[in-house]
Amino acid sequence: MVKTVQTLFVALLSFVAAEVTAADFCDVQGQNLIKDPTFSQQRPSGGLTHWLSLQHAGEPSYEHFTEKGVFTVTRVGPQPGFIFKQRVDLAPESGAKLAFYAELEFDLTASTSTFQAMRHGGGLAVTARSQKNGQGRVLMDASLLNTPRLGNLEWHPVQVVVALPEGTRSVEAGFRLEADGVLKVRNPKLQYVDESEKPCEVTPGANMFEVKKSGLR
């Protein structure tokens, strides 16, 4: 009887692991548009060459560092809202779909000081803009649509799919923290969607023209 229970327990663990690592994501094609996905290219003056970190105005409230291809950010103060992102210029391709993928690990709880209009948690953020180099109007904002976003979770893959609005000239892809605790990120990929074998649905909640006023734009 004990052996049977142990066998069932091991099988259950295997099923959970397979469910987490073999999520039914959309197919992708082409090169990874993310520059420096290992967070290792630094400017001579300090800081990463391709990545930018921002927090809400006020006292420094987030500590972050990179090590062995992993970006880690921890909330240590009262200010809401942190984002770590990079800007990618695109040729005009209205309606094209992009898939933003990464692996996350976190220990997060909802915070009372999170922006009222923002979802609580940590995860992916994609913004489309009307000009290159991250300038111009925000045409689409898809922040914190990955699930789960809160709790204590080991490394797991997530993907958000967006369709580029008309007039998109650049995309900002990154990671947002709107919670208390620690968020870790590795292996980010931003690629065009390949629907030659199967259709790919846009992530629910993405591409709605509903730009959140987070103070981090």
C-alpha atoms as a PDB file:
ATOM      1  CA  MET A   1       0.000   0.000   0.000  1.00  0.00           C
ATOM      2  CA  VAL A   2       2.814   2.400   0.893  1.00  0.00           C
ATOM      3  CA  LYS A   3       4.561   1.628  -2.379  1.00  0.00           C
ATOM      4  CA  THR A   4       1.372   2.365  -4.314  1.00  0.00           C
ATOM      5  CA  VAL A   5       0.947   5.730  -2.569  1.00  0.00           C
ATOM      6  CA  GLN A   6       4.575   6.622  -3.276  1.00  0.00           C
ATOM      7  CA  THR A   7       4.143   5.720  -6.938  1.00  0.00           C
ATOM      8  CA  LEU A   8       1.042   7.877  -7.233  1.00  0.00           C
ATOM      9  CA  PHE A   9       2.823  10.762  -5.492  1.00  0.00           C
ATOM     10  CA  VAL A  10       5.794  10.581  -7.869  1.00  0.00           C
ATOM     11  CA  ALA A  11       3.450  10.401 -10.854  1.00  0.00           C
ATOM     12  CA  LEU A  12       1.582  13.463  -9.603  1.00  0.00           C
ATOM     13  CA  LEU A  13       4.824  15.418  -9.251  1.00  0.00           C
ATOM     14  CA  SER A  14       5.822  14.448 -12.785  1.00  0.00           C
ATOM     15  CA  PHE A  15       2.456  15.590 -14.114  1.00  0.00           C
ATOM     16  CA  VAL A  16       2.721  18.972 -12.371  1.00  0.00           C
ATOM     17  CA  ALA A  17       6.255  19.485 -13.681  1.00  0.00           C
ATOM     18  CA  ALA A  18       5.171  18.619 -17.217  1.00  0.00           C
ATOM     19  CA  GLU A  19       2.214  20.959 -16.958  1.00  0.00           C
ATOM     20  CA  VAL A  20       4.452  23.866 -15.935  1.00  0.00           C
ATOM     21  CA  THR A  21       7.269  23.320 -18.448  1.00  0.00           C
ATOM     22  CA  ALA A  22       5.233  22.215 -21.468  1.00  0.00           C
ATOM     23  CA  ALA A  23       2.610  24.960 -21.533  1.00  0.00           C
ATOM     24  CA  ASP A  24       0.657  25.212 -24.765  1.00  0.00           C
ATOM     25  CA  PHE A  25       2.280  28.412 -26.025  1.00  0.00           C
ATOM     26  CA  CYS A  26       1.976  29.891 -29.491  1.00  0.00           C
ATOM     27  CA  ASP A  27       4.573  28.905 -32.085  1.00  0.00           C
ATOM     28  CA  VAL A  28       7.170  31.537 -32.965  1.00  0.00           C
ATOM     29  CA  GLN A  29       9.523  32.247 -35.840  1.00  0.00           C
ATOM     30  CA  GLY A  30      12.546  34.378 -36.608  1.00  0.00           C
ATOM     31  CA  GLN A  31      15.257  35.733 -34.374  1.00  0.00           C
ATOM     32  CA  ASN A  32      14.864  36.828 -30.789  1.00  0.00           C
ATOM     33  CA  LEU A  33      14.307  40.594 -30.943  1.00  0.00           C
ATOM     34  CA  ILE A  34      15.516  41.003 -27.362  1.00  0.00           C
ATOM     35  CA  LYS A  35      19.076  42.277 -27.195  1.00  0.00           C
ATOM     36  CA  ASP A  36      21.237  40.854 -24.418  1.00  0.00           C
ATOM     37  CA  PRO A  37      18.790  38.254 -23.031  1.00  0.00           C
ATOM     38  CA  THR A  38      21.420  37.234 -20.457  1.00  0.00           C
ATOM     39  CA  PHE A  39      21.618  40.748 -18.943  1.00  0.00           C
ATOM     40  CA  SER A  40      25.402  40.787 -19.282  1.00  0.00           C
ATOM     41  CA  GLN A  41      26.347  43.649 -21.634  1.00  0.00           C
ATOM     42  CA  GLN A  42      27.374  46.651 -19.558  1.00  0.00           C
ATOM     43  CA  ARG A  43      28.276  50.231 -20.395  1.00  0.00           C
ATOM     44  CA  PRO A  44      31.766  51.410 -19.423  1.00  0.00           C
ATOM     45  CA  SER A  45      30.123  53.946 -17.127  1.00  0.00           C
ATOM     46  CA  GLY A  46      27.973  51.279 -15.456  1.00  0.00           C
ATOM     47  CA  GLY A  47      24.497  49.910 -16.046  1.00  0.00           C
ATOM     48  CA  LEU A  48      23.301  47.581 -18.769  1.00  0.00           C
ATOM     49  CA  THR A  49      23.665  48.600 -22.407  1.00  0.00           C
ATOM     50  CA  HIS A  50      20.209  47.580 -23.642  1.00  0.00           C
ATOM     51  CA  TRP A  51      18.093  47.517 -20.493  1.00  0.00           C
ATOM     52  CA  LEU A  52      16.506  50.389 -18.568  1.00  0.00           C
ATOM     53  CA  SER A  53      15.078  50.311 -15.042  1.00  0.00           C
ATOM     54  CA  LEU A  54      12.527  52.805 -13.708  1.00  0.00           C
ATOM     55  CA  GLN A  55      10.560  53.238 -10.512  1.00  0.00           C
ATOM     56  CA  HIS A  56       7.942  55.705  -9.367  1.00  0.00           C
ATOM     57  CA  ALA A  57       9.317  59.072  -8.229  1.00  0.00           C
ATOM     58  CA  GLY A  58      10.489  59.264  -4.620  1.00  0.00           C
ATOM     59  CA  GLU A  59      12.993  57.485  -2.439  1.00  0.00           C
ATOM     60  CA  PRO A  60      14.703  54.428  -3.954  1.00  0.00           C
ATOM     61  CA  SER A  61      12.398  51.494  -3.178  1.00  0.00           C
ATOM     62  CA  TYR A  62      13.784  48.634  -5.293  1.00  0.00           C
ATOM     63  CA  GLU A  63      17.066  46.790  -5.239  1.00  0.00           C
ATOM     64  CA  HIS A  64      18.034  44.893  -8.380  1.00  0.00           C
ATOM     65  CA  PHE A  65      21.020  43.033  -9.801  1.00  0.00           C
ATOM     66  CA  THR A  66      21.946  40.497 -12.470  1.00  0.00           C
ATOM     67  CA  GLU A  67      23.900  37.289 -12.004  1.00  0.00           C
ATOM     68  CA  LYS A  68      24.474  34.322 -14.311  1.00  0.00           C
ATOM     69  CA  GLY A  69      21.710  35.313 -16.713  1.00  0.00           C
ATOM     70  CA  VAL A  70      19.127  36.055 -14.009  1.00  0.00           C
ATOM     71  CA  PHE A  71      17.676  39.489 -13.237  1.00  0.00           C
ATOM     72  CA  THR A  72      16.442  39.893  -9.657  1.00  0.00           C
ATOM     73  CA  VAL A  73      14.449  42.778  -8.196  1.00  0.00           C
ATOM     74  CA  THR A  74      13.291  43.169  -4.593  1.00  0.00           C
ATOM     75  CA  ARG A  75      10.966  45.786  -3.177  1.00  0.00           C
ATOM     76  CA  VAL A  76      12.611  47.445  -0.163  1.00  0.00           C
ATOM     77  CA  GLY A  77      10.726  50.751   0.143  1.00  0.00           C
ATOM     78  CA  PRO A  78       7.288  52.383  -0.035  1.00  0.00           C
ATOM     79  CA  GLN A  79       7.176  53.629  -3.633  1.00  0.00           C
ATOM     80  CA  PRO A  80       4.838  51.718  -5.986  1.00  0.00           C
ATOM     81  CA  GLY A  81       5.738  50.515  -9.417  1.00  0.00           C
ATOM     82  CA  PHE A  82       8.998  49.258 -10.938  1.00  0.00           C
ATOM     83  CA  ILE A  83       9.743  48.296 -14.515  1.00  0.00           C
ATOM     84  CA  PHE A  84      12.832  46.841 -16.221  1.00  0.00           C
ATOM     85  CA  LYS A  85      12.589  47.056 -19.999  1.00  0.00           C
ATOM     86  CA  GLN A  86      14.202  47.554 -23.366  1.00  0.00           C
ATOM     87  CA  ARG A  87      13.048  49.283 -26.528  1.00  0.00           C
ATOM     88  CA  VAL A  88      12.847  47.519 -29.880  1.00  0.00           C
ATOM     89  CA  ASP A  89      12.276  49.438 -33.124  1.00  0.00           C
ATOM     90  CA  LEU A  90      10.049  47.668 -35.646  1.00  0.00           C
ATOM     91  CA  ALA A  91       9.130  48.044 -39.297  1.00  0.00           C
ATOM     92  CA  PRO A  92       5.448  48.993 -39.780  1.00  0.00           C
ATOM     93  CA  GLU A  93       3.514  45.716 -39.567  1.00  0.00           C
ATOM     94  CA  SER A  94       0.026  46.515 -38.387  1.00  0.00           C
ATOM     95  CA  GLY A  95      -1.748  43.422 -37.111  1.00  0.00           C
ATOM     96  CA  ALA A  96       1.388  41.288 -36.780  1.00  0.00           C
ATOM     97  CA  LYS A  97       1.487  39.272 -33.601  1.00  0.00           C
ATOM     98  CA  LEU A  98       4.394  39.219 -31.181  1.00  0.00           C
ATOM     99  CA  ALA A  99       4.987  36.673 -28.433  1.00  0.00           C
ATOM    100  CA  PHE A 100       6.931  37.771 -25.357  1.00  0.00           C
ATOM    101  CA  TYR A 101       8.286  34.841 -23.334  1.00  0.00           C
ATOM    102  CA  ALA A 102      10.344  34.517 -20.172  1.00  0.00           C
ATOM    103  CA  GLU A 103      10.859  32.268 -17.191  1.00  0.00           C
ATOM    104  CA  LEU A 104       9.892  33.676 -13.791  1.00  0.00           C
ATOM    105  CA  GLU A 105      10.450  32.806 -10.172  1.00  0.00           C
ATOM    106  CA  PHE A 106       8.921  34.881  -7.397  1.00  0.00           C
ATOM    107  CA  ASP A 107       7.753  35.251  -3.837  1.00  0.00           C
ATOM    108  CA  LEU A 108       5.183  38.055  -4.015  1.00  0.00           C
ATOM    109  CA  THR A 109       2.243  39.392  -2.023  1.00  0.00           C
ATOM    110  CA  ALA A 110      -0.244  42.123  -2.943  1.00  0.00           C
ATOM    111  CA  SER A 111       0.736  45.598  -1.761  1.00  0.00           C
ATOM    112  CA  THR A 112      -1.535  48.359  -0.485  1.00  0.00           C
ATOM    113  CA  SER A 113       0.642  50.982  -2.200  1.00  0.00           C
ATOM    114  CA  THR A 114       0.340  49.535  -5.706  1.00  0.00           C
ATOM    115  CA  PHE A 115      -1.141  51.937  -8.239  1.00  0.00           C
ATOM    116  CA  GLN A 116      -4.916  51.684  -8.061  1.00  0.00           C
ATOM    117  CA  ALA A 117      -5.261  51.178 -11.823  1.00  0.00           C
ATOM    118  CA  MET A 118      -2.613  48.441 -12.003  1.00  0.00           C
ATOM    119  CA  ARG A 119      -2.897  44.715 -11.450  1.00  0.00           C
ATOM    120  CA  HIS A 120      -1.036  43.386  -8.429  1.00  0.00           C
ATOM    121  CA  GLY A 121       1.888  41.072  -8.958  1.00  0.00           C
ATOM    122  CA  GLY A 122       5.007  40.605 -11.035  1.00  0.00           C
ATOM    123  CA  GLY A 123       5.605  39.596 -14.617  1.00  0.00           C
ATOM    124  CA  LEU A 124       5.617  40.599 -18.260  1.00  0.00           C
ATOM    125  CA  ALA A 125       4.886  44.004 -19.742  1.00  0.00           C
ATOM    126  CA  VAL A 126       4.619  44.982 -23.428  1.00  0.00           C
ATOM    127  CA  THR A 127       3.925  48.499 -24.720  1.00  0.00           C
ATOM    128  CA  ALA A 128       3.534  49.608 -28.352  1.00  0.00           C
ATOM    129  CA  ARG A 129       4.450  53.191 -29.317  1.00  0.00           C
ATOM    130  CA  SER A 130       3.926  55.344 -32.378  1.00  0.00           C
ATOM    131  CA  GLN A 131       7.563  56.367 -32.875  1.00  0.00           C
ATOM    132  CA  LYS A 132      10.951  54.698 -32.788  1.00  0.00           C
ATOM    133  CA  ASN A 133      13.219  54.538 -29.756  1.00  0.00           C
ATOM    134  CA  GLY A 134      10.319  54.349 -27.341  1.00  0.00           C
ATOM    135  CA  GLN A 135       8.958  57.777 -28.199  1.00  0.00           C
ATOM    136  CA  GLY A 136       5.505  58.998 -29.221  1.00  0.00           C
ATOM    137  CA  ARG A 137       2.034  57.952 -28.131  1.00  0.00           C
ATOM    138  CA  VAL A 138       1.315  54.716 -26.335  1.00  0.00           C
ATOM    139  CA  LEU A 139      -0.880  52.674 -28.679  1.00  0.00           C
ATOM    140  CA  MET A 140      -1.211  49.522 -26.604  1.00  0.00           C
ATOM    141  CA  ASP A 141      -0.310  48.430 -23.097  1.00  0.00           C
ATOM    142  CA  ALA A 142      -0.305  44.807 -21.951  1.00  0.00           C
ATOM    143  CA  SER A 143       1.010  44.645 -18.395  1.00  0.00           C
ATOM    144  CA  LEU A 144       0.868  41.774 -15.914  1.00  0.00           C
ATOM    145  CA  LEU A 145      -1.364  39.523 -18.002  1.00  0.00           C
ATOM    146  CA  ASN A 146       0.645  36.402 -17.172  1.00  0.00           C
ATOM    147  CA  THR A 147      -0.732  34.011 -14.581  1.00  0.00           C
ATOM    148  CA  PRO A 148       0.058  33.403 -11.841  1.00  0.00           C
ATOM    149  CA  ARG A 149       1.333  36.826 -10.749  1.00  0.00           C
ATOM    150  CA  LEU A 150       1.372  36.446  -6.950  1.00  0.00           C
ATOM    151  CA  GLY A 151       2.414  33.790  -4.447  1.00  0.00           C
ATOM    152  CA  ASN A 152       5.526  31.680  -4.060  1.00  0.00           C
ATOM    153  CA  LEU A 153       6.492  29.903  -7.255  1.00  0.00           C
ATOM    154  CA  GLU A 154       9.605  28.167  -8.573  1.00  0.00           C
ATOM    155  CA  TRP A 155      10.881  28.742 -12.104  1.00  0.00           C
ATOM    156  CA  HIS A 156       8.078  28.524 -14.656  1.00  0.00           C
ATOM    157  CA  PRO A 157       7.579  29.730 -18.261  1.00  0.00           C
ATOM    158  CA  VAL A 158       5.095  32.449 -19.226  1.00  0.00           C
ATOM    159  CA  GLN A 159       4.103  33.966 -22.553  1.00  0.00           C
ATOM    160  CA  VAL A 160       2.046  37.004 -23.548  1.00  0.00           C
ATOM    161  CA  VAL A 161       0.851  37.482 -27.142  1.00  0.00           C
ATOM    162  CA  VAL A 162      -0.087  40.887 -28.570  1.00  0.00           C
ATOM    163  CA  ALA A 163      -1.177  42.171 -31.988  1.00  0.00           C
ATOM    164  CA  LEU A 164       0.568  45.353 -33.081  1.00  0.00           C
ATOM    165  CA  PRO A 165      -1.836  48.285 -33.499  1.00  0.00           C
ATOM    166  CA  GLU A 166      -1.743  50.390 -36.643  1.00  0.00           C
ATOM    167  CA  GLY A 167       1.055  52.921 -36.510  1.00  0.00           C
ATOM    168  CA  THR A 168       3.352  50.925 -34.210  1.00  0.00           C
ATOM    169  CA  ARG A 169       7.001  51.856 -34.690  1.00  0.00           C
ATOM    170  CA  SER A 170       8.544  50.509 -31.506  1.00  0.00           C
ATOM    171  CA  VAL A 171       7.812  48.106 -28.672  1.00  0.00           C
ATOM    172  CA  GLU A 172       8.945  48.211 -25.069  1.00  0.00           C
ATOM    173  CA  ALA A 173       9.244  44.728 -23.590  1.00  0.00           C
ATOM    174  CA  GLY A 174      10.130  44.106 -19.983  1.00  0.00           C
ATOM    175  CA  PHE A 175       9.157  43.090 -16.490  1.00  0.00           C
ATOM    176  CA  ARG A 176       6.973  44.938 -14.013  1.00  0.00           C
ATOM    177  CA  LEU A 177       6.758  44.612 -10.250  1.00  0.00           C
ATOM    178  CA  GLU A 178       3.598  45.853  -8.542  1.00  0.00           C
ATOM    179  CA  ALA A 179       3.779  43.870  -5.307  1.00  0.00           C
ATOM    180  CA  ASP A 180       5.863  43.230  -2.205  1.00  0.00           C
ATOM    181  CA  GLY A 181       8.624  40.651  -2.416  1.00  0.00           C
ATOM    182  CA  VAL A 182      11.140  39.296  -4.920  1.00  0.00           C
ATOM    183  CA  LEU A 183      10.845  38.713  -8.683  1.00  0.00           C
ATOM    184  CA  LYS A 184      13.449  36.833 -10.739  1.00  0.00           C
ATOM    185  CA  VAL A 185      13.587  36.673 -14.549  1.00  0.00           C
ATOM    186  CA  ARG A 186      15.622  34.695 -17.067  1.00  0.00           C
ATOM    187  CA  ASN A 187      15.680  33.769 -20.772  1.00  0.00           C
ATOM    188  CA  PRO A 188      13.470  36.551 -22.231  1.00  0.00           C
ATOM    189  CA  LYS A 189      12.421  36.175 -25.877  1.00  0.00           C
ATOM    190  CA  LEU A 190      10.416  38.490 -28.127  1.00  0.00           C
ATOM    191  CA  GLN A 191       9.507  36.893 -31.465  1.00  0.00           C
ATOM    192  CA  TYR A 192       6.937  37.072 -34.219  1.00  0.00           C
ATOM    193  CA  VAL A 193       4.176  34.487 -34.009  1.00  0.00           C
ATOM    194  CA  ASP A 194       4.069  31.624 -36.505  1.00  0.00           C
ATOM    195  CA  GLU A 195       0.499  30.564 -37.309  1.00  0.00           C
ATOM    196  CA  SER A 196       1.368  28.248 -40.200  1.00  0.00           C
ATOM    197  CA  GLU A 197       0.608  25.128 -38.134  1.00  0.00           C
ATOM    198  CA  LYS A 198      -1.952  26.353 -35.601  1.00  0.00           C
ATOM    199  CA  PRO A 199      -3.820  29.588 -34.830  1.00  0.00           C
ATOM    200  CA  CYS A 200      -2.594  31.787 -32.015  1.00  0.00           C
ATOM    201  CA  GLU A 201      -4.944  33.816 -29.838  1.00  0.00           C
ATOM    202  CA  VAL A 202      -3.997  37.195 -28.427  1.00  0.00           C
ATOM    203  CA  THR A 203      -3.702  37.079 -24.641  1.00  0.00           C
ATOM    204  CA  PRO A 204      -7.009  38.157 -23.046  1.00  0.00           C
ATOM    205  CA  GLY A 205      -6.763  41.775 -21.910  1.00  0.00           C
ATOM    206  CA  ALA A 206      -3.993  42.689 -24.348  1.00  0.00           C
ATOM    207  CA  ASN A 207      -4.327  45.307 -27.062  1.00  0.00           C
ATOM    208  CA  MET A 208      -7.232  47.082 -25.409  1.00  0.00           C
ATOM    209  CA  PHE A 209      -6.615  50.826 -25.646  1.00  0.00           C
ATOM    210  CA  GLU A 210      -6.513  51.246 -21.911  1.00  0.00           C
ATOM    211  CA  VAL A 211      -3.191  52.767 -20.896  1.00  0.00           C
ATOM    212  CA  LYS A 212      -2.564  52.564 -17.170  1.00  0.00           C
ATOM    213  CA  LYS A 213      -1.286  55.759 -15.536  1.00  0.00           C
ATOM    214  CA  SER A 214       1.495  54.152 -13.548  1.00  0.00           C
ATOM    215  CA  GLY A 215       3.951  57.028 -13.630  1.00  0.00           C
ATOM    216  CA  LEU A 216       6.566  54.781 -15.255  1.00  0.00           C
ATOM    217  CA  ARG A 217       6.040  55.803 -18.868  1.00  0.00           C
END
